[in-house]
Amino acid sequence: MIDLLDLIKNVDHATQFTAEFTSVASRTITEPEVLRRRLLLCTFGLGTNMGIKRVADGTAVTAWSRPRSST
């Protein structure tokens, strides 16, 4: 069984789709890695219909790790 969050992380690792998101602000304060993590968690929360609030407070996601190899 494949965890959906692992799948999203692996797809981003392979395609770098989170790099295509741009800010409407004139400057960026948030570090790219922090922004990437937030985008992936937001995608996970909205895609699973858990919502951003549940994902943000940690009740839906318990651990964050590097992408697992599929070998």
Foldseek 3Di string as FASTA:
>chain_A
DDDPLLVLLVVCVVVVVLVVDDDPDPDDDDDPVVSVVLVSLQCVCVVVVVHSVCSVVCVVPPDDDHRDDPD
